[in-house]
Amino acid sequence: MRYILLFLLIIPAGEIFVLLLSGKIIGVWATISIIILTGILGAYLAKQQGLETLRRAQLEMQYGRVPGEAIVDGICILVGGVLLLTPGFITDTMGFLLLLPQTRVFFKGRMKKWLKKWIDNGNVTIIR
């Protein structure tokens, strides 16, 4: 819980700093244009990656398998899309890293470790 509070304080402060610095270096209109462009590009990538993940999950279910990998991909894509729609360069960077399949692998591994830890500690219960 304390990490979430810290995250909610540090990230916006960092975003404001980077946005002010960017506005000073490349100009206000260029900064605003980049923010709008990354939002549009992020929405497109999230839709494209989300539809592909949905197709993979449906295919897994057709063969009677649990689409675990596709679910983790879907969570990464959802979070990445939300981060890209949030104005700022730090959140945009994190959003792109979560949307691109090549870099998403790192985050998926971390998510699986966290989920396993939560299950082992009894914080999450899986009902079959």
Protein backbone atom coordinates (compact mmCIF):
# COMPACT_ATOMS: atom_id res chain seq x y z
CA MET A 1 0.00 0.00 0.00
CA ARG A 2 2.80 2.42 0.83
CA TYR A 3 4.35 1.78 -2.58
CA ILE A 4 1.13 2.80 -4.29
CA LEU A 5 1.00 6.04 -2.31
CA LEU A 6 4.65 6.73 -3.14
CA PHE A 7 3.95 5.92 -6.79
CA LEU A 8 0.96 8.30 -6.82
CA LEU A 9 3.16 11.12 -5.51
CA ILE A 10 6.39 10.60 -7.42
CA ILE A 11 5.08 9.89 -10.92
CA PRO A 12 2.91 13.05 -11.25
CA ALA A 13 5.74 15.20 -9.88
CA GLY A 14 8.15 13.61 -12.36
CA GLU A 15 5.67 14.09 -15.20
CA ILE A 16 5.26 17.79 -14.37
CA PHE A 17 9.03 18.24 -14.26
CA VAL A 18 9.57 16.47 -17.60
CA LEU A 19 6.68 18.33 -19.27
CA LEU A 20 7.99 21.72 -18.07
CA LEU A 21 11.50 20.83 -19.20
CA SER A 22 10.20 19.64 -22.57
CA GLY A 23 8.16 22.80 -23.01
CA LYS A 24 11.23 24.87 -22.32
CA ILE A 25 13.52 22.88 -24.65
CA ILE A 26 11.29 22.08 -27.66
CA GLY A 27 8.43 24.49 -27.03
CA VAL A 28 4.91 24.28 -25.67
CA TRP A 29 3.18 23.45 -28.97
CA ALA A 30 5.65 20.70 -29.85
CA THR A 31 5.21 19.18 -26.38
CA ILE A 32 1.42 19.27 -26.67
CA SER A 33 1.61 17.77 -30.17
CA ILE A 34 3.80 14.90 -28.97
CA ILE A 35 1.40 14.18 -26.09
CA ILE A 36 -1.59 14.09 -28.45
CA LEU A 37 0.30 11.95 -30.99
CA THR A 38 1.34 9.39 -28.38
CA GLY A 39 -2.26 9.21 -27.16
CA ILE A 40 -3.53 8.46 -30.66
CA LEU A 41 -0.73 6.00 -31.41
CA GLY A 42 -1.24 4.35 -28.02
CA ALA A 43 -4.96 3.87 -28.62
CA TYR A 44 -4.24 2.31 -32.02
CA LEU A 45 -1.55 -0.04 -30.63
CA ALA A 46 -3.72 -1.03 -27.66
CA LYS A 47 -6.62 -1.88 -29.98
CA GLN A 48 -4.38 -3.84 -32.36
CA GLN A 49 -2.59 -5.77 -29.62
CA GLY A 50 -5.82 -6.30 -27.67
CA LEU A 51 -7.62 -7.82 -30.65
CA GLU A 52 -4.68 -10.11 -31.37
CA THR A 53 -4.61 -11.24 -27.73
CA LEU A 54 -8.36 -11.84 -27.79
CA ARG A 55 -7.97 -14.02 -30.89
CA ARG A 56 -5.23 -16.04 -29.18
CA ALA A 57 -7.37 -16.50 -26.06
CA GLN A 58 -10.34 -17.67 -28.14
CA LEU A 59 -8.12 -20.13 -29.99
CA GLU A 60 -6.76 -21.51 -26.71
CA MET A 61 -10.31 -21.96 -25.37
CA GLN A 62 -11.40 -23.73 -28.57
CA TYR A 63 -8.73 -26.33 -27.86
CA GLY A 64 -9.91 -26.65 -24.26
CA ARG A 65 -6.91 -24.90 -22.73
CA VAL A 66 -6.91 -22.10 -20.17
CA PRO A 67 -5.67 -18.93 -21.92
CA GLY A 68 -3.35 -17.96 -19.05
CA GLU A 69 -0.66 -16.36 -21.19
CA ALA A 70 -3.25 -14.40 -23.16
CA ILE A 71 -4.83 -13.15 -19.93
CA VAL A 72 -1.50 -11.82 -18.66
CA ASP A 73 -0.91 -10.22 -22.09
CA GLY A 74 -4.36 -8.66 -21.89
CA ILE A 75 -3.64 -7.14 -18.48
CA CYS A 76 -0.36 -5.68 -19.78
CA ILE A 77 -2.11 -4.27 -22.84
CA LEU A 78 -4.90 -2.73 -20.76
CA VAL A 79 -2.46 -1.06 -18.35
CA GLY A 80 -0.23 0.05 -21.25
CA GLY A 81 -3.19 1.59 -23.08
CA VAL A 82 -4.32 3.49 -20.00
CA LEU A 83 -0.78 4.76 -19.41
CA LEU A 84 -0.53 5.99 -23.01
CA LEU A 85 -3.81 7.88 -22.69
CA THR A 86 -2.47 9.59 -19.55
CA PRO A 87 -0.61 12.77 -20.55
CA GLY A 88 3.10 12.67 -19.87
CA PHE A 89 6.35 11.24 -21.15
CA ILE A 90 7.09 8.88 -18.25
CA THR A 91 3.70 7.19 -18.46
CA ASP A 92 3.96 7.09 -22.26
CA THR A 93 7.30 5.29 -22.04
CA MET A 94 5.88 2.72 -19.61
CA GLY A 95 2.78 2.33 -21.79
CA PHE A 96 4.79 1.62 -24.93
CA LEU A 97 6.95 -0.88 -23.05
CA LEU A 98 3.81 -2.74 -21.96
CA LEU A 99 2.27 -2.70 -25.44
CA LEU A 100 5.24 -3.90 -27.45
CA PRO A 101 5.43 -7.72 -27.41
CA GLN A 102 9.24 -7.72 -27.26
CA THR A 103 9.41 -5.66 -24.05
CA ARG A 104 6.17 -7.00 -22.54
CA VAL A 105 7.97 -10.29 -21.80
CA PHE A 106 9.87 -8.67 -18.91
CA PHE A 107 6.71 -7.31 -17.30
CA LYS A 108 4.83 -10.58 -17.76
CA GLY A 109 7.55 -12.41 -15.86
CA ARG A 110 7.33 -9.91 -13.00
CA MET A 111 3.54 -10.15 -12.92
CA LYS A 112 3.67 -13.94 -12.75
CA LYS A 113 6.15 -13.78 -9.85
CA TRP A 114 3.96 -11.28 -7.97
CA LEU A 115 0.84 -13.35 -8.55
CA LYS A 116 2.59 -16.53 -7.39
CA LYS A 117 3.79 -14.72 -4.27
CA TRP A 118 0.26 -13.44 -3.54
CA ILE A 119 -1.17 -16.95 -3.98
CA ASP A 120 1.55 -18.50 -1.79
CA ASN A 121 0.91 -15.88 0.95
CA GLY A 122 -2.84 -16.53 0.81
CA ASN A 123 -3.70 -13.03 -0.44
CA VAL A 124 -5.29 -14.46 -3.61
CA THR A 125 -7.43 -17.58 -3.73
CA ILE A 126 -8.16 -19.45 -6.94
CA ILE A 127 -11.51 -21.24 -6.96
CA ARG A 128 -11.96 -24.05 -9.47
